[in-house]
Protein backbone atom coordinates (compact mmCIF):
# COMPACT_ATOMS: atom_id res chain seq x y z
CA MET A 1 -47.19 -25.13 10.12
CA GLU A 2 -45.85 -24.06 13.38
CA ILE A 3 -42.60 -25.76 12.77
CA ASN A 4 -41.66 -24.27 9.63
CA LYS A 5 -42.83 -20.58 11.13
CA THR A 6 -40.27 -21.29 13.93
CA LYS A 7 -37.78 -22.48 11.65
CA LYS A 8 -38.16 -19.35 9.48
CA VAL A 9 -37.91 -16.99 12.24
CA VAL A 10 -34.82 -19.05 13.14
CA GLN A 11 -33.17 -18.83 10.39
CA GLY A 12 -34.21 -14.98 9.38
CA ALA A 13 -32.67 -14.16 13.38
CA PHE A 14 -29.32 -16.37 12.50
CA LEU A 15 -29.13 -14.61 9.19
CA LEU A 16 -29.40 -10.87 11.25
CA THR A 17 -26.58 -11.94 13.61
CA ILE A 18 -24.03 -13.08 10.62
CA ALA A 19 -24.86 -9.67 8.99
CA GLY A 20 -24.38 -7.74 12.31
CA LEU A 21 -21.15 -9.52 12.63
CA LEU A 22 -19.89 -8.75 9.08
CA SER A 23 -20.50 -5.23 9.45
CA LYS A 24 -18.92 -4.60 12.79
CA ILE A 25 -15.64 -6.56 11.00
CA VAL A 26 -15.82 -4.08 7.93
CA SER A 27 -16.37 -1.67 10.19
CA ALA A 28 -13.00 -1.89 12.41
CA THR A 29 -11.64 -2.70 9.64
CA TYR A 30 -11.97 -0.32 6.74
CA ARG A 31 -10.56 1.94 9.52
CA ILE A 32 -6.81 0.44 9.10
CA PRO A 33 -6.35 1.68 5.30
CA LEU A 34 -7.77 4.96 6.19
CA GLN A 35 -5.34 5.82 9.14
CA ASN A 36 -2.53 4.41 6.20
CA LEU A 37 -3.62 6.58 3.33
CA THR A 38 -4.72 9.77 5.77
CA GLY A 39 -2.12 9.67 8.55
CA ASP A 40 -3.07 10.39 12.05
CA PHE A 41 -4.62 13.61 11.67
CA GLY A 42 -7.05 12.47 8.51
CA PHE A 43 -8.22 9.76 11.18
CA TYR A 44 -8.47 12.06 13.33
CA ILE A 45 -10.97 14.24 11.79
CA TYR A 46 -12.62 11.10 10.74
CA GLN A 47 -13.02 9.93 14.13
CA GLN A 48 -14.36 13.62 15.20
CA VAL A 49 -17.18 12.95 13.04
CA TYR A 50 -17.92 8.94 13.61
CA PRO A 51 -19.82 8.97 16.72
CA LEU A 52 -22.98 11.07 15.24
CA ILE A 53 -22.44 8.66 11.65
CA GLY A 54 -22.45 5.51 14.14
CA THR A 55 -25.26 6.69 16.49
CA VAL A 56 -27.07 6.95 12.99
CA MET A 57 -26.29 3.80 12.32
CA ILE A 58 -27.18 2.14 15.46
CA LEU A 59 -30.51 4.14 15.28
CA SER A 60 -32.07 3.03 11.78
CA LEU A 61 -30.75 -0.40 12.71
CA TYR A 62 -31.37 -1.09 16.49
CA GLY A 63 -33.15 1.35 17.95
CA PHE A 64 -36.35 2.68 15.91
CA PRO A 65 -36.54 -0.69 14.03
CA ILE A 66 -36.84 -2.36 17.48
CA ALA A 67 -39.64 -0.37 18.58
CA ILE A 68 -41.42 -0.87 15.28
CA SER A 69 -41.45 -4.16 15.62
CA LYS A 70 -42.60 -4.40 18.97
CA LEU A 71 -45.47 -1.99 17.98
CA THR A 72 -45.85 -4.10 15.00
CA THR A 73 -46.06 -7.53 16.61
CA GLU A 74 -48.61 -6.13 19.13
CA MET A 75 -50.94 -4.91 16.68
CA LYS A 76 -51.15 -8.65 15.09
CA GLN A 77 -50.86 -10.01 18.03
CA LYS A 78 -54.26 -7.83 18.78
CA ASN A 79 -55.70 -8.93 15.01
CA ASN A 80 -55.38 -5.12 14.28
CA LEU A 81 -54.50 -3.96 10.18
CA LEU A 82 -51.57 -2.13 9.17
CA THR A 83 -53.03 -0.10 7.64
CA ILE A 84 -51.56 3.52 6.28
CA ARG A 85 -53.59 6.05 7.84
CA HIS A 86 -53.35 4.54 11.52
CA PHE A 87 -50.13 3.03 11.53
CA TYR A 88 -47.55 3.67 8.66
CA ILE A 89 -48.28 7.41 8.96
CA PRO A 90 -48.69 8.16 12.30
CA LEU A 91 -45.11 6.31 13.47
CA PHE A 92 -43.53 7.84 10.35
CA ILE A 93 -44.40 11.49 11.64
CA ILE A 94 -43.22 10.62 15.03
CA LEU A 95 -39.97 9.19 13.66
CA LEU A 96 -39.59 12.19 11.35
CA VAL A 97 -40.38 14.45 14.43
CA ILE A 98 -37.89 13.26 16.38
CA ASN A 99 -35.22 12.72 14.33
CA SER A 100 -35.96 16.43 12.97
CA ILE A 101 -34.97 17.41 16.50
CA PHE A 102 -31.85 16.05 16.12
CA PHE A 103 -31.33 17.28 13.01
CA MET A 104 -32.17 21.02 14.16
CA ILE A 105 -29.87 20.68 17.31
CA ILE A 106 -26.89 19.30 15.56
CA PHE A 107 -27.11 21.52 12.26
CA PHE A 108 -27.56 25.18 13.80
CA LEU A 109 -25.35 24.52 16.41
CA SER A 110 -22.52 23.03 14.29
CA PRO A 111 -20.49 26.46 14.77
CA LEU A 112 -20.48 26.24 18.14
CA ILE A 113 -19.51 22.44 18.19
CA SER A 114 -17.06 23.13 16.36
CA THR A 115 -15.41 26.16 18.36
CA TRP A 116 -15.89 24.24 21.62
CA ILE A 117 -13.77 20.82 20.45
CA GLY A 118 -11.60 23.54 19.39
CA ASP A 119 -11.81 22.88 15.41
CA GLU A 120 -13.72 25.36 13.00
CA ASN A 121 -13.06 23.40 10.34
CA LEU A 122 -14.85 20.92 10.79
CA THR A 123 -18.60 22.81 11.38
CA SER A 124 -19.66 22.73 7.83
CA THR A 125 -18.79 18.78 8.32
CA TYR A 126 -21.10 18.30 10.87
CA GLN A 127 -23.86 20.57 9.38
CA LEU A 128 -23.63 17.83 6.90
CA ALA A 129 -23.48 15.13 9.04
CA ALA A 130 -27.13 16.64 10.62
CA PHE A 131 -29.11 15.39 7.61
CA LEU A 132 -28.53 11.61 8.07
CA PHE A 133 -31.07 11.91 10.91
CA LEU A 134 -33.63 12.94 8.33
CA LEU A 135 -32.74 9.35 6.39
CA ILE A 136 -33.24 7.61 9.97
CA PRO A 137 -37.32 7.36 9.28
CA PHE A 138 -37.57 6.18 6.24
CA LEU A 139 -35.43 3.19 6.87
CA ALA A 140 -36.53 2.42 10.47
CA LEU A 141 -40.19 1.86 9.66
CA LEU A 142 -39.42 -0.22 6.79
CA ARG A 143 -36.74 -2.48 8.80
CA GLY A 144 -38.89 -2.40 11.68
CA VAL A 145 -42.07 -3.58 10.12
CA PHE A 146 -39.96 -6.42 8.12
CA GLN A 147 -38.84 -7.66 12.04
CA GLY A 148 -41.94 -7.79 13.67
CA ASN A 149 -43.29 -9.69 10.57
CA GLU A 150 -40.52 -12.03 11.32
CA GLU A 151 -38.74 -11.59 7.65
CA MET A 152 -35.46 -11.06 8.79
CA HIS A 153 -33.48 -11.25 5.54
CA GLN A 154 -34.61 -7.41 3.95
CA THR A 155 -33.22 -6.37 7.20
CA ALA A 156 -29.76 -8.28 6.79
CA TYR A 157 -29.52 -7.75 2.96
CA SER A 158 -30.07 -3.76 3.16
CA GLN A 159 -27.25 -3.72 6.77
CA ILE A 160 -25.24 -5.32 4.11
CA ILE A 161 -25.26 -3.13 0.89
CA GLU A 162 -25.06 0.01 2.89
CA GLN A 163 -22.03 -0.55 4.85
CA VAL A 164 -20.53 -2.07 1.59
CA ILE A 165 -21.29 1.33 -0.14
CA ARG A 166 -20.29 3.49 2.54
CA VAL A 167 -16.91 2.03 3.69
CA SER A 168 -15.92 1.59 -0.43
CA ILE A 169 -16.55 5.35 -0.53
CA ILE A 170 -14.55 6.38 2.28
CA ILE A 171 -11.67 4.20 1.59
CA THR A 172 -11.83 6.09 -1.95
CA ALA A 173 -11.99 8.80 -0.64
CA ALA A 174 -8.59 8.46 1.74
CA TYR A 175 -7.05 6.84 -1.45
CA TYR A 176 -7.80 10.60 -3.60
CA ILE A 177 -6.48 12.30 -0.66
CA PHE A 178 -3.78 10.16 -0.31
CA MET A 179 -2.95 11.03 -4.09
CA GLY A 180 -3.45 14.93 -3.32
CA LYS A 181 -6.31 15.21 -5.50
CA LEU A 182 -8.40 16.16 -2.23
CA ASP A 183 -7.99 17.96 1.13
CA ILE A 184 -7.55 16.23 4.07
CA TYR A 185 -10.95 17.81 5.84
CA MET A 186 -13.00 15.76 2.88
CA ILE A 187 -12.46 12.47 4.54
CA GLY A 188 -15.01 13.97 6.90
CA LYS A 189 -17.52 14.62 4.32
CA ALA A 190 -16.73 11.71 2.43
CA GLY A 191 -17.85 9.36 5.39
CA VAL A 192 -21.37 11.26 5.89
CA MET A 193 -21.82 11.30 2.00
CA ALA A 194 -21.00 7.49 1.82
CA SER A 195 -23.79 7.32 4.89
CA MET A 196 -25.89 9.07 3.23
CA LEU A 197 -25.92 7.07 0.14
CA GLY A 198 -25.47 3.71 1.87
CA MET A 199 -28.59 4.60 3.54
CA GLY A 200 -30.26 5.76 0.23
CA VAL A 201 -29.40 2.67 -1.33
CA ALA A 202 -31.01 0.65 1.42
CA ILE A 203 -34.10 2.83 1.47
CA VAL A 204 -34.52 2.25 -1.96
CA LEU A 205 -34.09 -1.89 -2.01
CA CYS A 206 -36.23 -2.48 1.43
CA MET A 207 -38.78 -0.43 -0.65
CA ILE A 208 -38.91 -2.55 -3.08
CA PHE A 209 -39.07 -5.39 -0.52
CA PHE A 210 -41.76 -4.01 0.71
CA MET A 211 -43.87 -2.99 -2.43
CA LEU A 212 -43.60 -6.86 -3.72
CA LYS A 213 -44.10 -8.90 -0.06
CA HIS A 214 -46.59 -6.26 1.78
CA LYS A 215 -49.07 -5.23 -0.97
CA LYS A 216 -52.03 -6.07 1.05
CA MET A 217 -50.67 -4.12 3.93
CA ILE A 218 -51.86 -1.02 1.62
CA VAL A 219 -54.69 -2.00 -0.06
CA VAL A 220 -56.95 -3.28 3.42
CA PRO A 221 -59.46 -0.48 4.62
CA SER A 222 -59.09 0.01 7.93
CA PHE A 223 -61.99 0.05 11.11
CA GLN A 224 -60.01 1.58 13.41
CA THR A 225 -61.22 5.25 14.62
CA ASN A 226 -58.24 6.22 17.02
CA ILE A 227 -54.69 6.49 16.76
CA PRO A 228 -52.72 5.84 19.72
CA TRP A 229 -50.12 8.31 19.62
CA LYS A 230 -49.22 8.36 23.46
CA TYR A 231 -48.39 4.77 23.27
CA PHE A 232 -46.54 5.27 19.77
CA ILE A 233 -44.41 8.01 21.07
CA PHE A 234 -43.72 6.42 24.31
CA THR A 235 -42.49 2.92 22.63
CA CYS A 236 -40.48 4.83 19.71
CA ILE A 237 -38.71 7.41 22.57
CA SER A 238 -38.36 4.13 25.11
CA PHE A 239 -37.36 1.35 22.81
CA GLY A 240 -35.90 3.43 20.16
CA ILE A 241 -33.72 5.90 21.97
CA VAL A 242 -33.50 4.34 25.55
CA GLY A 243 -33.22 0.80 24.43
CA SER A 244 -30.40 1.80 22.00
CA LEU A 245 -28.08 3.20 25.08
CA ASN A 246 -26.69 -0.44 25.10
CA HIS A 247 -25.74 -0.72 21.14
CA MET A 248 -23.65 3.13 21.80
CA ILE A 249 -21.70 2.74 25.27
CA LEU A 250 -18.67 2.77 23.05
CA ILE A 251 -20.01 5.10 20.71
CA MET A 252 -21.12 7.55 23.63
CA ILE A 253 -17.52 7.25 25.25
CA GLN A 254 -16.24 8.22 21.94
CA PHE A 255 -18.52 11.43 22.05
CA VAL A 256 -16.73 12.68 25.42
CA ASP A 257 -13.42 12.66 23.49
CA VAL A 258 -14.32 14.21 20.58
CA PHE A 259 -15.61 17.14 22.70
CA THR A 260 -12.65 17.27 25.51
CA LEU A 261 -9.72 15.06 24.07
CA VAL A 262 -8.00 18.02 22.12
CA PRO A 263 -8.89 20.69 24.30
CA ASN A 264 -7.80 19.20 27.33
CA LEU A 265 -4.25 18.17 25.49
CA MET A 266 -3.67 21.68 24.15
CA GLU A 267 -4.22 22.17 28.00
CA TYR A 268 -1.53 19.70 28.43
CA GLY A 269 0.96 21.21 26.45
CA LEU A 270 0.28 20.12 23.28
CA SER A 271 -0.10 22.39 20.15
CA PRO A 272 -3.69 22.45 18.42
CA MET A 273 -2.21 20.51 15.47
CA GLU A 274 0.07 18.09 17.57
CA ALA A 275 -3.29 17.82 20.16
CA MET A 276 -5.11 16.59 17.00
CA GLU A 277 -2.59 14.45 15.81
CA ALA A 278 -2.89 12.90 19.28
CA LYS A 279 -6.02 11.91 19.17
CA GLY A 280 -5.45 10.65 15.86
CA ILE A 281 -3.14 8.20 17.54
CA PHE A 282 -5.55 7.51 20.66
CA ASP A 283 -8.20 6.75 18.13
CA ARG A 284 -6.25 3.84 16.45
CA GLY A 285 -7.82 1.83 19.60
CA GLN A 286 -11.33 2.02 18.16
CA PRO A 287 -10.65 -0.90 15.36
CA PHE A 288 -8.88 -2.95 18.68
CA ILE A 289 -11.76 -2.56 20.72
CA GLN A 290 -14.47 -3.67 18.32
CA PHE A 291 -12.60 -6.42 17.30
CA GLY A 292 -12.45 -7.48 20.57
CA VAL A 293 -15.76 -7.03 21.60
CA VAL A 294 -17.14 -8.95 18.63
CA PHE A 295 -15.43 -12.00 19.46
CA GLY A 296 -16.53 -11.19 23.10
CA SER A 297 -20.37 -10.38 23.34
CA SER A 298 -21.40 -11.35 19.89
CA PHE A 299 -21.00 -15.00 20.34
CA ALA A 300 -21.93 -15.07 24.03
CA LEU A 301 -25.39 -12.98 23.05
CA ALA A 302 -26.00 -16.03 20.70
CA ILE A 303 -26.18 -18.54 23.35
CA ILE A 304 -29.26 -17.02 25.00
CA PRO A 305 -32.35 -18.21 23.36
CA THR A 306 -33.96 -15.30 22.02
CA VAL A 307 -37.47 -17.35 22.86
CA VAL A 308 -36.90 -17.70 26.21
CA ARG A 309 -35.33 -14.35 28.00
CA GLU A 310 -38.71 -13.37 28.92
CA ASN A 311 -39.17 -16.26 31.60
CA ILE A 312 -35.69 -15.93 33.01
CA ARG A 313 -36.29 -15.17 36.51
CA ALA A 314 -38.68 -18.25 36.82
CA ASN A 315 -36.89 -21.12 34.64
CA MET A 316 -33.59 -22.12 35.91
CA SER A 317 -32.38 -23.45 32.51
CA THR A 318 -32.74 -19.67 31.37
CA ILE A 319 -30.68 -18.78 34.19
CA GLN A 320 -28.27 -21.26 33.25
CA SER A 321 -27.66 -20.18 29.62
CA VAL A 322 -27.42 -16.42 30.61
CA ARG A 323 -24.72 -17.28 33.07
CA GLU A 324 -23.10 -20.02 29.71
CA ALA A 325 -23.20 -16.26 28.18
CA LEU A 326 -21.45 -14.71 30.70
CA LEU A 327 -18.93 -16.46 31.34
CA PHE A 328 -18.71 -17.29 27.46
CA SER A 329 -17.77 -13.43 27.02
CA PHE A 330 -15.89 -13.20 30.47
CA TYR A 331 -13.60 -16.23 29.44
CA ILE A 332 -12.94 -15.00 25.29
CA ALA A 333 -12.74 -11.09 26.17
CA PHE A 334 -10.24 -11.46 28.78
CA GLY A 335 -7.68 -13.70 26.56
CA ALA A 336 -8.62 -11.14 23.58
CA THR A 337 -7.32 -8.42 25.93
CA LEU A 338 -4.35 -9.95 27.23
CA GLY A 339 -2.92 -11.44 24.13
CA LEU A 340 -3.58 -7.70 22.73
CA ILE A 341 -2.00 -6.12 25.35
CA LEU A 342 1.14 -8.66 24.78
CA LEU A 343 1.09 -8.36 20.85
CA LEU A 344 0.13 -4.62 20.81
CA PRO A 345 3.38 -3.28 20.25
CA GLU A 346 3.96 -5.38 16.77
CA ALA A 347 0.23 -4.91 15.94
CA ASN A 348 0.63 -0.98 16.37
CA ARG A 349 3.24 -0.66 13.86
CA LEU A 350 1.83 -4.09 11.73
CA LEU A 351 -1.50 -2.12 10.95
CA PHE A 352 -0.15 1.56 11.68
CA THR A 353 2.82 2.11 10.60
CA ASN A 354 4.83 2.64 13.63
CA ASN A 355 5.04 2.64 17.89
CA ASP A 356 3.60 6.06 18.25
CA GLY A 357 0.59 5.51 21.79
CA THR A 358 1.27 1.97 21.99
CA GLY A 359 1.62 2.19 26.24
CA SER A 360 -1.47 4.38 26.10
CA LEU A 361 -3.28 1.39 23.76
CA GLN A 362 -2.35 -0.81 25.82
CA ILE A 363 -4.33 1.07 29.06
CA LEU A 364 -7.46 1.42 26.63
CA VAL A 365 -7.89 -2.69 25.16
CA ILE A 366 -8.43 -3.25 28.56
CA ALA A 367 -12.01 -1.98 27.44
CA ILE A 368 -12.48 -5.16 25.34
CA LEU A 369 -12.82 -7.11 28.57
CA LEU A 370 -15.14 -4.55 30.54
CA SER A 371 -16.95 -3.81 27.44
CA SER A 372 -17.76 -7.43 26.68
CA ILE A 373 -19.45 -8.00 29.97
CA THR A 374 -20.98 -5.24 30.15
CA ILE A 375 -22.51 -5.26 26.73
CA THR A 376 -23.83 -9.00 27.48
CA THR A 377 -24.76 -7.85 30.94
CA CYS A 378 -27.20 -4.58 29.57
CA ALA A 379 -28.61 -6.43 26.73
CA ILE A 380 -29.58 -9.24 29.32
CA LEU A 381 -31.22 -6.68 31.36
CA GLN A 382 -33.06 -5.10 28.34
CA SER A 383 -34.41 -8.24 27.40
CA ILE A 384 -35.66 -8.84 30.60
CA GLY A 385 -37.72 -5.57 30.94
CA TYR A 386 -34.94 -2.99 32.83
CA LEU A 387 -34.58 -0.52 30.12
CA LYS A 388 -35.03 2.45 32.86
CA GLN A 389 -32.40 1.05 34.65
CA THR A 390 -29.68 0.34 32.21
CA ALA A 391 -30.54 3.93 30.48
CA ILE A 392 -29.46 5.24 33.58
CA TRP A 393 -26.22 3.70 34.46
CA ILE A 394 -24.94 4.03 31.40
CA SER A 395 -25.91 7.88 30.90
CA VAL A 396 -23.67 8.30 34.62
CA THR A 397 -20.94 5.99 33.00
CA PHE A 398 -21.33 9.13 29.91
CA LEU A 399 -20.87 11.72 32.66
CA ILE A 400 -17.93 9.53 34.85
CA LYS A 401 -15.89 9.38 31.61
CA TRP A 402 -16.31 13.03 30.90
CA LEU A 403 -15.11 14.14 34.81
CA LEU A 404 -11.98 12.08 34.68
CA ASN A 405 -11.14 12.84 31.00
CA GLU A 406 -11.74 16.87 32.44
CA LEU A 407 -9.36 15.67 35.59
CA PHE A 408 -6.95 13.09 34.11
CA VAL A 409 -6.10 14.45 30.69
CA PRO A 410 -4.15 17.61 31.11
CA PHE A 411 -1.51 16.10 33.54
CA TRP A 412 -1.24 12.82 31.98
CA GLY A 413 -2.23 13.60 28.11
CA ILE A 414 -3.99 10.41 25.94
CA TYR A 415 -2.68 7.94 28.65
CA GLY A 416 -5.06 10.19 31.31
CA SER A 417 -8.04 9.13 28.46
CA ALA A 418 -7.12 5.57 28.17
CA ILE A 419 -7.11 5.56 32.20
CA ALA A 420 -10.36 7.49 32.28
CA THR A 421 -12.21 5.06 29.46
CA VAL A 422 -11.02 1.77 31.15
CA GLY A 423 -12.58 3.61 34.67
CA SER A 424 -16.12 4.76 33.26
CA LEU A 425 -16.31 1.35 31.85
CA PHE A 426 -15.23 -0.87 34.88
CA PHE A 427 -17.67 1.28 36.76
CA LEU A 428 -20.35 -0.09 34.57
CA CYS A 429 -19.53 -3.41 34.03
CA VAL A 430 -19.86 -3.62 38.05
CA ALA A 431 -22.93 -1.75 37.68
CA SER A 432 -24.39 -3.83 35.34
CA ILE A 433 -23.17 -7.33 36.65
CA LEU A 434 -24.71 -5.91 40.60
CA LEU A 435 -28.00 -4.91 38.75
CA LEU A 436 -27.92 -8.45 37.52
CA GLN A 437 -27.06 -10.12 40.53
CA ARG A 438 -29.98 -8.11 42.34
CA LYS A 439 -32.77 -8.97 39.66
CA VAL A 440 -31.82 -12.72 39.19
CA PRO A 441 -30.16 -13.49 42.30
CA ALA A 442 -29.68 -17.44 40.95
CA ILE A 443 -27.06 -15.92 38.55
CA TYR A 444 -24.11 -16.18 40.45
CA PHE A 445 -21.41 -15.21 37.94
CA PHE A 446 -18.18 -14.60 40.05
CA ARG A 447 -19.48 -18.04 41.86
CA HIS A 448 -18.74 -20.15 38.38
CA ILE A 449 -15.81 -18.70 36.86
CA ARG A 450 -13.22 -21.15 37.35
CA TRP A 451 -10.14 -19.27 38.61
CA GLN A 452 -7.62 -21.95 38.88
CA ALA A 453 -8.54 -22.19 34.87
CA LEU A 454 -8.41 -18.84 33.82
CA PHE A 455 -5.12 -18.83 35.76
CA VAL A 456 -3.22 -21.66 33.71
CA ALA A 457 -4.85 -20.63 30.50
CA SER A 458 -3.47 -17.00 30.88
CA GLY A 459 0.00 -17.54 32.33
CA GLY A 460 0.27 -20.22 29.43
CA MET A 461 -0.17 -17.86 26.90
CA PHE A 462 1.54 -15.09 28.38
CA LEU A 463 4.40 -17.18 28.70
CA TYR A 464 4.26 -18.15 25.27
CA ILE A 465 3.56 -14.70 23.72
CA MET A 466 6.66 -13.90 26.02
CA GLY A 467 8.71 -16.49 24.54
CA VAL A 468 8.10 -16.26 21.16
CA LYS A 469 8.67 -12.56 21.52
CA GLY A 470 11.93 -13.23 23.26
CA LEU A 471 13.28 -15.76 19.86
CA CYS A 472 12.13 -12.71 17.58
CA THR A 473 14.36 -10.43 19.14
CA PHE A 474 17.53 -11.68 17.65
CA TYR A 475 16.44 -11.51 14.16
CA GLY A 476 16.10 -7.52 14.82
CA GLU A 477 13.30 -5.03 13.88
CA LEU A 478 10.89 -6.61 11.03
CA SER A 479 9.63 -5.79 7.98
CA ARG A 480 5.94 -4.99 7.18
CA VAL A 481 5.14 -8.48 5.50
CA SER A 482 7.15 -10.19 7.64
CA LEU A 483 5.56 -8.73 10.80
CA LEU A 484 2.32 -9.71 9.21
CA PHE A 485 3.03 -13.55 9.10
CA TYR A 486 4.54 -13.13 12.34
CA VAL A 487 1.63 -11.72 14.27
CA CYS A 488 -0.88 -14.01 12.48
CA PHE A 489 0.81 -16.73 13.76
CA VAL A 490 0.99 -15.47 17.44
CA VAL A 491 -2.45 -14.40 17.62
CA PHE A 492 -3.45 -18.07 16.31
CA SER A 493 -1.38 -20.26 17.97
CA GLY A 494 -1.82 -17.99 21.21
CA ALA A 495 -5.24 -18.33 21.27
CA LEU A 496 -5.16 -21.55 19.94
CA LEU A 497 -3.08 -22.58 23.42
CA TYR A 498 -5.59 -20.46 25.55
CA ILE A 499 -8.35 -22.13 24.48
CA CYS A 500 -7.22 -25.60 24.40
CA LEU A 501 -5.65 -24.96 28.23
CA LEU A 502 -9.61 -24.15 28.67
CA LEU A 503 -10.78 -26.84 27.37
CA ARG A 504 -8.56 -29.29 29.25
CA TYR A 505 -10.28 -28.08 32.45
CA ASN A 506 -13.69 -28.68 30.76
CA VAL A 507 -14.54 -24.64 30.88
CA PHE A 508 -16.80 -25.02 28.19
CA THR A 509 -20.22 -26.36 27.32
CA GLU A 510 -20.85 -27.88 24.06
CA LYS A 511 -23.49 -24.50 23.52
CA GLN A 512 -20.63 -22.38 23.56
CA LEU A 513 -18.21 -24.16 21.59
CA SER A 514 -20.94 -24.24 18.85
CA THR A 515 -20.82 -20.68 18.43
CA LEU A 516 -16.99 -20.31 17.62
CA PRO A 517 -15.23 -20.08 14.46
CA PHE A 518 -14.16 -23.38 13.79
CA SER A 519 -16.62 -24.63 16.48
CA ARG A 520 -16.33 -28.91 15.34
CA LEU A 521 -12.59 -28.66 15.78
CA PHE A 522 -13.01 -27.52 19.29
CA LEU A 523 -15.62 -29.91 20.07
CA ARG A 524 -13.46 -32.92 19.22
CA LEU A 525 -10.47 -31.37 21.31
CA GLN A 526 -12.61 -31.43 24.32
CA ALA A 527 -13.71 -34.65 23.62
CA LEU A 528 -10.33 -35.83 23.58
CA PHE A 529 -9.16 -33.79 26.25
CA VAL A 530 -12.19 -34.90 28.52
CA LYS A 531 -11.33 -38.25 27.68
CA GLY A 532 -7.95 -37.89 28.22
CA ASN A 533 -8.87 -37.06 31.52
């Protein structure tokens, strides 16, 4: 019985992880046709509202559901019944009040916000986006109860359906804008309405799942007399909002650019339209960063067994698992960052039709390495109880990015914002690693980095990519179709060479390789290299 239960939990967690990965990949991918159809100005409009949409998605998928899941698990351990009167209604009211505050702040301050960012045409879009927060209580409560009952499938299915609906509507709207049938500012409203519809369908789906599987939770009477309001509120705020900041690191960085980039670019000397288009060009870096972070942190986090995270400070095997996750994140993210920097001129033209902003984007994608390590480290810290400390450092990073934008952008344009992003994330990366080292001294992260192997692997990939690029210059500028095959070939062959060189030095464990796509291939290659040694 216990074995079947554990198997169910593992399968559910795996499905939820896969759903999260697919959603992140889709979220990074759809921006490419969006920019192609609406141009840099349309991309700017969408990216000005996206941080709000992204915040809602994180709160409804990670933040508040984690808090509700924690409360559900605790109630079950105490053999308390999850009743409407003493559990569902109080938590729903708390979530509704919290999110209503967010709604009112954004809705009533929308005119001021749009004036601040330098584009009053976005006022109605921000007001519409405020309504998204009112949908969070319904979706977060249901998802949290499912996860607290170790039923991950419902959350995974609702997440995938929500994302598919949202992306489909956004791309359709972008097409109509491209055809001249919609005003270009509609792309922002379309993004909001697509999220509303996606969340609405997800709510209905979760309610159906709930009614089918949890009828007893509604009809069983309660013998409780008191509702722990203070504890419910504390948990929803600490785990629901503060605990979700780790998932919002990149969104918080984008929030700063929403408020500061266009005004400072105008101070740099650009006209309002030029500044808006420049921000759209700068935002091309977000899909690159998202792709890199997916491979740099998502696979690394899968290495850490959720069941044993609580005993990290007393369990050497768990410390080793955490160290392996960090090292894995470092090696993969380093290779992805270096390869993308080298291929960014071609990738920029392939995905976004021209090379505009390539120099600033090459600086910006260093965020892949820093974000991957930071997200992995902060997730580990939060899992062992250091929510407050990580939240403080993330908040400080937000302020540093804001300050650096104000200092650098008026002098260096979008290069300044790229430097500000990298600088603020570097601070957070160092701070989080030092905090982990202080709380878990036996981690010894830097001591276990195989520097010689990293130097050989990165050097080999660098020489290979530069050699291929040098050969291709003889054929002149490639068409976009030829460029697609060229970039795909260099990416896959360069990545394979990088990993094979790391395998040659036996850098990865079998556990680490098993999380990669095509894991059997890499395991066989490692066995071959190790045997050859």
